[in-house]
Protein backbone atom coordinates (compact mmCIF):
# COMPACT_ATOMS: atom_id res chain seq x y z
CA MET A 1 -30.79 102.85 -23.44
CA THR A 2 -28.81 102.88 -20.21
CA GLN A 3 -31.30 100.57 -18.51
CA ILE A 4 -30.53 97.60 -20.77
CA ASP A 5 -28.01 95.21 -19.24
CA GLN A 6 -24.61 95.61 -20.90
CA PRO A 7 -21.39 93.57 -20.82
CA VAL A 8 -17.99 95.06 -20.00
CA GLU A 9 -14.37 94.26 -20.77
CA VAL A 10 -13.37 90.67 -20.05
CA ARG A 11 -11.79 90.19 -16.61
CA GLU A 12 -8.10 89.38 -16.44
CA GLY A 13 -7.51 85.63 -16.56
CA GLU A 14 -10.95 84.91 -18.04
CA GLU A 15 -10.23 85.75 -21.69
CA LEU A 16 -11.53 83.46 -24.45
CA ASP A 17 -9.70 82.38 -27.60
CA VAL A 18 -11.43 84.71 -30.07
CA GLY A 19 -10.36 82.69 -33.10
CA ALA A 20 -11.68 79.45 -31.63
CA VAL A 21 -14.99 81.09 -30.72
CA ASP A 22 -15.28 82.55 -34.23
CA ARG A 23 -14.67 79.19 -35.91
CA PHE A 24 -17.20 77.45 -33.71
CA MET A 25 -19.85 80.16 -34.14
CA LYS A 26 -19.55 80.21 -37.94
CA GLN A 27 -19.82 76.44 -38.07
CA ALA A 28 -22.93 76.51 -35.87
CA ILE A 29 -24.46 79.54 -37.63
CA PRO A 30 -23.29 79.42 -41.29
CA ASP A 31 -24.57 82.88 -42.28
CA LEU A 32 -22.44 84.73 -39.71
CA GLU A 33 -19.98 87.21 -41.18
CA GLY A 34 -17.23 89.45 -39.84
CA GLU A 35 -15.13 89.19 -36.70
CA PRO A 36 -16.60 88.71 -33.25
CA GLU A 37 -16.32 91.17 -30.40
CA ILE A 38 -16.35 89.42 -27.02
CA ARG A 39 -17.24 91.12 -23.75
CA GLN A 40 -18.20 89.73 -20.37
CA TYR A 41 -21.17 90.20 -18.08
CA PRO A 42 -19.93 91.38 -14.68
CA GLY A 43 -22.56 89.66 -12.56
CA GLY A 44 -22.44 86.13 -11.23
CA ALA A 45 -19.83 84.27 -9.26
CA SER A 46 -20.20 80.81 -10.77
CA ASN A 47 -20.37 80.11 -14.49
CA LEU A 48 -18.93 82.81 -16.76
CA THR A 49 -21.15 84.63 -19.23
CA TYR A 50 -19.93 86.44 -22.33
CA GLN A 51 -21.62 88.43 -25.09
CA VAL A 52 -20.41 87.59 -28.59
CA ASP A 53 -21.29 90.27 -31.15
CA TYR A 54 -21.21 90.07 -34.96
CA ASP A 55 -22.22 93.46 -36.34
CA ASP A 56 -25.88 93.76 -35.30
CA ARG A 57 -26.24 90.17 -34.08
CA SER A 58 -25.63 89.27 -30.43
CA PHE A 59 -25.27 85.92 -28.72
CA VAL A 60 -24.45 84.77 -25.20
CA LEU A 61 -21.79 82.17 -24.45
CA ARG A 62 -21.72 80.34 -21.11
CA ARG A 63 -18.75 78.36 -19.82
CA PRO A 64 -17.55 77.07 -16.42
CA PRO A 65 -15.13 79.10 -14.30
CA PHE A 66 -11.39 78.73 -14.71
CA GLY A 67 -9.42 76.84 -12.07
CA LYS A 68 -10.10 73.63 -10.19
CA ILE A 69 -13.81 72.93 -9.79
CA PRO A 70 -15.79 70.03 -8.28
CA LYS A 71 -16.23 67.21 -10.80
CA SER A 72 -20.03 67.27 -10.73
CA ALA A 73 -20.34 71.08 -10.67
CA HIS A 74 -20.70 73.52 -13.58
CA ASP A 75 -22.15 70.92 -15.97
CA MET A 76 -22.78 73.09 -19.00
CA LEU A 77 -24.19 70.27 -21.12
CA ARG A 78 -26.76 69.44 -18.46
CA GLU A 79 -27.73 73.10 -18.11
CA ALA A 80 -28.24 73.52 -21.85
CA ARG A 81 -30.27 70.32 -22.18
CA ILE A 82 -32.53 71.29 -19.30
CA MET A 83 -33.18 74.64 -20.97
CA LYS A 84 -34.02 72.98 -24.30
CA ALA A 85 -36.46 70.59 -22.62
CA LEU A 86 -38.08 73.28 -20.47
CA LYS A 87 -38.52 75.90 -23.19
CA PRO A 88 -41.79 74.47 -24.65
CA VAL A 89 -43.56 74.54 -21.26
CA TYR A 90 -41.84 77.53 -19.64
CA PRO A 91 -41.39 80.21 -22.33
CA TYR A 92 -39.03 82.39 -20.26
CA VAL A 93 -36.07 80.13 -21.03
CA PRO A 94 -33.70 81.54 -23.70
CA ASP A 95 -33.31 79.54 -26.92
CA ILE A 96 -30.24 77.31 -27.07
CA ILE A 97 -28.36 77.85 -30.35
CA ALA A 98 -25.37 75.52 -30.05
CA ILE A 99 -23.76 73.15 -27.55
CA CYS A 100 -20.06 72.22 -27.55
CA ASP A 101 -18.54 69.20 -25.79
CA ASP A 102 -15.29 69.34 -27.78
CA HIS A 103 -12.64 70.52 -25.33
CA SER A 104 -10.23 71.31 -28.16
CA VAL A 105 -12.27 74.48 -28.79
CA LEU A 106 -12.12 76.25 -25.40
CA GLY A 107 -10.82 73.55 -23.08
CA CYS A 108 -14.27 72.94 -21.57
CA ASP A 109 -17.91 72.29 -22.36
CA PHE A 110 -19.90 75.42 -23.21
CA TYR A 111 -23.04 76.52 -24.97
CA VAL A 112 -24.34 79.49 -26.94
CA MET A 113 -27.85 80.89 -26.50
CA GLU A 114 -29.89 83.81 -27.75
CA ARG A 115 -29.29 87.15 -26.12
CA LEU A 116 -32.38 88.51 -24.41
CA LYS A 117 -32.07 92.26 -24.70
CA GLY A 118 -33.57 93.68 -21.56
CA ILE A 119 -33.21 95.05 -18.06
CA ILE A 120 -31.57 93.00 -15.32
CA LEU A 121 -31.89 94.36 -11.81
CA ARG A 122 -28.72 93.87 -9.82
CA THR A 123 -27.76 95.66 -6.59
CA ASP A 124 -30.02 98.61 -7.33
CA PHE A 125 -32.25 100.00 -10.03
CA PRO A 126 -30.21 101.10 -13.06
CA LYS A 127 -29.80 104.74 -14.02
CA ASP A 128 -33.03 106.42 -15.14
CA PHE A 129 -35.07 103.47 -13.85
CA GLU A 130 -37.33 104.75 -11.11
CA LEU A 131 -40.60 103.21 -9.96
CA SER A 132 -43.18 104.33 -7.43
CA ARG A 133 -43.81 102.22 -4.35
CA GLU A 134 -46.95 100.80 -6.01
CA ASP A 135 -45.15 100.00 -9.27
CA THR A 136 -42.25 98.42 -7.40
CA ARG A 137 -44.69 96.13 -5.63
CA LYS A 138 -46.31 95.23 -8.97
CA LEU A 139 -42.90 94.34 -10.41
CA CYS A 140 -42.02 92.32 -7.31
CA LEU A 141 -45.20 90.26 -7.54
CA ASN A 142 -44.68 89.63 -11.26
CA VAL A 143 -41.21 88.25 -10.57
CA ILE A 144 -42.44 86.00 -7.76
CA ASP A 145 -45.20 84.78 -10.08
CA LYS A 146 -42.56 83.40 -12.44
CA LEU A 147 -41.21 81.21 -9.65
CA VAL A 148 -44.76 80.08 -8.89
CA ASP A 149 -45.28 79.32 -12.60
CA LEU A 150 -42.11 77.25 -12.67
CA HIS A 151 -43.22 75.24 -9.65
CA ARG A 152 -46.45 74.42 -11.50
CA VAL A 153 -44.60 72.79 -14.42
CA ASP A 154 -45.28 69.06 -14.73
CA PRO A 155 -41.83 67.38 -14.84
CA ASP A 156 -43.21 64.43 -16.80
CA ALA A 157 -44.81 66.67 -19.43
CA ALA A 158 -41.56 68.62 -19.79
CA GLY A 159 -39.54 65.44 -20.26
CA LEU A 160 -37.51 66.30 -17.18
CA ASP A 161 -38.68 63.55 -14.84
CA HIS A 162 -35.30 61.81 -15.24
CA LEU A 163 -33.63 64.65 -13.35
CA GLY A 164 -35.27 63.72 -10.09
CA LYS A 165 -34.25 60.99 -7.67
CA GLY A 166 -37.66 60.72 -6.07
CA PRO A 167 -38.62 61.42 -2.46
CA GLY A 168 -35.87 62.39 -0.05
CA TYR A 169 -34.83 65.62 -1.77
CA VAL A 170 -34.57 67.55 1.50
CA GLU A 171 -32.35 64.90 3.03
CA ARG A 172 -30.11 64.75 -0.06
CA GLN A 173 -29.67 68.53 0.01
CA ILE A 174 -28.70 68.65 3.67
CA ARG A 175 -26.27 65.76 3.30
CA GLY A 176 -24.84 67.13 0.07
CA TRP A 177 -24.35 70.75 1.12
CA SER A 178 -22.94 69.70 4.48
CA ASP A 179 -20.37 67.54 2.71
CA ARG A 180 -19.51 70.32 0.25
CA PHE A 181 -19.05 72.85 3.02
CA ARG A 182 -16.76 70.59 5.02
CA LYS A 183 -14.62 69.91 1.94
CA ALA A 184 -14.40 73.61 1.07
CA ARG A 185 -13.81 74.95 4.57
CA THR A 186 -10.71 77.07 5.10
CA ASP A 187 -9.02 77.70 8.42
CA ASP A 188 -10.29 81.27 8.68
CA VAL A 189 -14.04 80.49 8.79
CA GLY A 190 -16.36 78.78 11.30
CA ASP A 191 -17.25 75.12 11.03
CA PHE A 192 -21.08 75.43 10.82
CA GLU A 193 -21.37 72.15 12.72
CA ALA A 194 -24.16 73.42 15.00
CA VAL A 195 -26.11 74.65 11.99
CA MET A 196 -25.68 71.40 10.08
CA SER A 197 -26.68 69.39 13.15
CA TRP A 198 -29.90 71.41 13.55
CA LEU A 199 -30.79 71.04 9.86
CA ASP A 200 -30.24 67.31 10.13
CA GLU A 201 -32.32 66.98 13.29
CA LYS A 202 -35.28 69.12 12.15
CA MET A 203 -35.49 67.78 8.60
CA PRO A 204 -39.07 67.79 7.16
CA GLU A 205 -40.47 65.51 4.49
CA ASP A 206 -40.61 66.81 0.91
CA VAL A 207 -43.78 68.82 0.27
CA ALA A 208 -43.76 67.97 -3.46
CA GLN A 209 -41.58 67.04 -6.44
CA ARG A 210 -41.48 69.93 -8.90
CA VAL A 211 -39.16 71.59 -11.40
CA ILE A 212 -37.04 73.98 -9.35
CA HIS A 213 -34.52 76.61 -10.43
CA ASN A 214 -32.27 76.63 -7.34
CA ASP A 215 -30.95 80.16 -8.03
CA PHE A 216 -34.03 82.27 -8.69
CA ARG A 217 -33.16 85.92 -8.05
CA PHE A 218 -33.82 89.34 -9.58
CA ASP A 219 -30.43 89.32 -11.30
CA ASN A 220 -31.40 86.10 -13.10
CA VAL A 221 -34.59 87.68 -14.45
CA VAL A 222 -34.75 89.74 -17.67
CA LEU A 223 -37.35 92.52 -17.94
CA ASN A 224 -38.81 93.99 -21.10
CA PRO A 225 -37.18 97.44 -21.57
CA ASP A 226 -40.42 98.75 -23.10
CA ASN A 227 -42.52 97.38 -20.23
CA PRO A 228 -40.35 96.75 -17.16
CA PHE A 229 -43.18 94.93 -15.36
CA GLU A 230 -43.00 92.13 -17.95
CA VAL A 231 -40.56 89.28 -17.38
CA ILE A 232 -39.21 88.09 -20.74
CA GLY A 233 -36.55 85.69 -19.51
CA VAL A 234 -35.19 83.66 -16.63
CA LEU A 235 -31.46 82.90 -16.75
CA ASP A 236 -28.88 80.64 -15.09
CA TRP A 237 -30.34 77.13 -15.06
CA GLU A 238 -27.11 75.55 -13.82
CA MET A 239 -28.64 74.06 -10.67
CA ALA A 240 -32.16 73.33 -11.93
CA THR A 241 -33.56 69.92 -11.02
CA ILE A 242 -36.63 68.14 -9.68
CA GLY A 243 -37.05 68.74 -5.98
CA ASP A 244 -38.91 70.37 -3.11
CA PRO A 245 -40.26 73.79 -4.18
CA LEU A 246 -40.10 75.20 -0.64
CA MET A 247 -36.37 74.50 -0.58
CA ASP A 248 -36.17 76.50 -3.82
CA LEU A 249 -38.00 79.40 -2.21
CA GLY A 250 -35.66 79.19 0.79
CA ASN A 251 -32.72 79.49 -1.60
CA SER A 252 -34.22 82.60 -3.17
CA LEU A 253 -34.95 84.28 0.14
CA ALA A 254 -31.34 83.83 1.29
CA TYR A 255 -30.59 86.68 -1.17
CA TRP A 256 -33.67 88.70 -0.20
CA VAL A 257 -32.15 91.50 1.88
CA GLN A 258 -34.89 93.89 2.98
CA ALA A 259 -34.72 97.52 4.11
CA ASP A 260 -34.74 96.83 7.85
CA ASP A 261 -32.03 94.15 7.86
CA GLU A 262 -28.84 94.72 9.84
CA GLY A 263 -25.72 96.25 8.28
CA PRO A 264 -23.67 93.08 7.65
CA PHE A 265 -26.57 91.48 5.78
CA GLN A 266 -27.08 94.69 3.78
CA MET A 267 -23.46 94.39 2.63
CA LEU A 268 -24.33 91.04 1.01
CA ARG A 269 -27.26 92.47 -0.94
CA ARG A 270 -27.14 91.75 -4.68
CA GLN A 271 -30.66 92.76 -5.72
CA PRO A 272 -32.92 95.76 -5.05
CA THR A 273 -35.21 94.02 -2.55
CA HIS A 274 -34.66 96.92 -0.13
CA ARG A 275 -36.59 99.36 -2.30
CA PRO A 276 -39.87 100.89 -1.04
CA GLY A 277 -42.69 98.68 -2.30
CA MET A 278 -40.72 95.42 -2.33
CA LEU A 279 -42.30 92.64 -0.31
CA THR A 280 -40.59 91.55 2.90
CA ARG A 281 -39.45 87.94 3.18
CA ASP A 282 -42.50 87.13 5.32
CA GLU A 283 -44.78 88.69 2.72
CA VAL A 284 -43.10 86.71 -0.06
CA VAL A 285 -43.70 83.46 1.83
CA GLU A 286 -47.33 84.36 2.54
CA TYR A 287 -47.98 85.31 -1.10
CA TYR A 288 -46.21 82.23 -2.44
CA LEU A 289 -48.10 79.82 -0.18
CA GLU A 290 -51.41 81.44 -1.13
CA LYS A 291 -50.65 81.13 -4.86
CA THR A 292 -49.33 77.54 -4.72
CA GLY A 293 -51.61 76.09 -2.08
CA PHE A 294 -48.76 74.53 -0.12
CA SER A 295 -49.35 74.42 3.63
CA ILE A 296 -46.70 74.48 6.36
CA ASP A 297 -46.61 75.47 10.03
CA SER A 298 -43.32 77.39 9.81
CA PHE A 299 -40.91 78.54 7.12
CA ASP A 300 -37.98 78.66 9.58
CA TYR A 301 -36.35 75.47 8.32
CA TYR A 302 -36.32 76.59 4.69
CA GLU A 303 -35.00 80.06 5.55
CA ILE A 304 -32.12 78.64 7.59
CA TYR A 305 -31.37 76.02 4.96
CA GLY A 306 -31.22 78.73 2.27
CA LEU A 307 -28.72 80.76 4.29
CA PHE A 308 -26.58 77.70 5.01
CA ARG A 309 -26.60 76.68 1.35
CA LEU A 310 -25.59 80.22 0.39
CA ALA A 311 -22.74 80.01 2.90
CA ALA A 312 -21.59 76.73 1.35
CA ILE A 313 -21.65 78.27 -2.14
CA VAL A 314 -19.79 81.34 -0.91
CA GLN A 315 -17.25 79.11 0.80
CA GLN A 316 -16.68 76.97 -2.29
CA ILE A 317 -15.92 80.14 -4.26
CA TYR A 318 -13.74 81.53 -1.47
CA TYR A 319 -11.82 78.24 -1.36
CA ARG A 320 -10.72 78.79 -4.97
CA PHE A 321 -9.62 82.37 -4.17
CA TYR A 322 -7.92 81.33 -0.91
CA HIS A 323 -5.85 78.74 -2.77
CA GLY A 324 -4.99 81.03 -5.68
CA GLN A 325 -7.14 79.21 -8.24
CA THR A 326 -8.90 82.46 -9.25
CA LYS A 327 -7.66 86.05 -9.26
CA ASP A 328 -11.13 87.61 -9.09
CA LYS A 329 -10.79 90.19 -6.31
CA ARG A 330 -14.56 90.16 -5.72
CA PHE A 331 -14.06 86.90 -3.82
CA ALA A 332 -11.51 88.21 -1.30
CA ALA A 333 -14.18 89.03 1.29
CA PHE A 334 -16.22 85.85 0.83
CA GLY A 335 -14.67 84.31 3.94
CA HIS A 336 -16.10 87.15 6.03
CA ALA A 337 -19.47 86.59 4.36
CA ALA A 338 -19.44 82.93 5.37
CA GLN A 339 -18.59 83.93 8.93
CA TYR A 340 -21.56 86.30 9.07
CA LEU A 341 -23.96 83.75 7.58
CA GLU A 342 -23.07 81.25 10.30
CA LYS A 343 -23.92 83.81 12.98
CA ARG A 344 -27.20 84.66 11.25
CA CYS A 345 -28.18 80.99 11.02
CA LEU A 346 -27.42 80.45 14.71
CA ARG A 347 -29.55 83.45 15.73
CA LEU A 348 -32.48 82.19 13.67
CA ILE A 349 -32.11 78.70 15.13
CA GLU A 350 -32.16 80.12 18.64
CA ALA A 351 -35.36 82.06 17.89
CA SER A 352 -37.12 79.20 16.06
CA GLU A 353 -39.87 77.19 17.72
CA LEU A 354 -39.17 74.10 15.61
């Protein structure tokens, strides 16, 4: 079925040692036979995701990117342990099969999880996947509901309370992302100082302490190929933690490019939120607040924070490309993306009544 998400050939410079993977897999799963075929999923700009096939059995291997990376970033062991703890209370998490902290295998920490065979919506609907306006809206609401469900998880009951640092999440995020941006800035992008100053000055208190995903998007959601309205999985738990759920929603809406957005923002679109029937960002916020019961006067702060955080992430990736630490040509234009996001943040700040 062409709709089901498929891996492709491994990108140059991101090949895995097939023999090492095979030895590890057969030790972790003793009944495996044959030789593995390894391909790579093309999406994502952070951790690398590979499909490892043995005849009719498929697994997914996740490892950090190649090149110099921040010491605290791309913690694969943390990601895998969060997923294992969350699985009993949030069934959309894939099963973890094996975790490796022995760097003699692949030179890094990595983990292996079950492959969820389904549809992943990236820039647009896949071939032969067409929905009416009404069905697109139904799908959209079902996806948003999974974020709402996550924000209802009790961190204590999930055994994840240790991930949180208590009140002050908003402040820690602004301080942290500001520091990361400044360290990753290259000479060919703006300094974001006016944006960071505004975020610091207008900082709200945390609305709650909940389990948050921190990268919840359509291309991290797996749909049932036999019923594309049904979400069967949520992927990429790298940045999950305990924090303010409205900050999490702000992160998600930074990627939510709608049909009437200007051209430069359309060029950054990575999910089909422009399709007829998809909610607008304002509609998402209204629906989310109604479902969760959270009450705020304005979402401006969270929207601008989400765009700034996205710019910092983009800039961290561009920094590696700029300094020759990755050859992935997708990242060549990320400096221009950061430039645009600064302008967008400044326009929103100027229009805000906060």
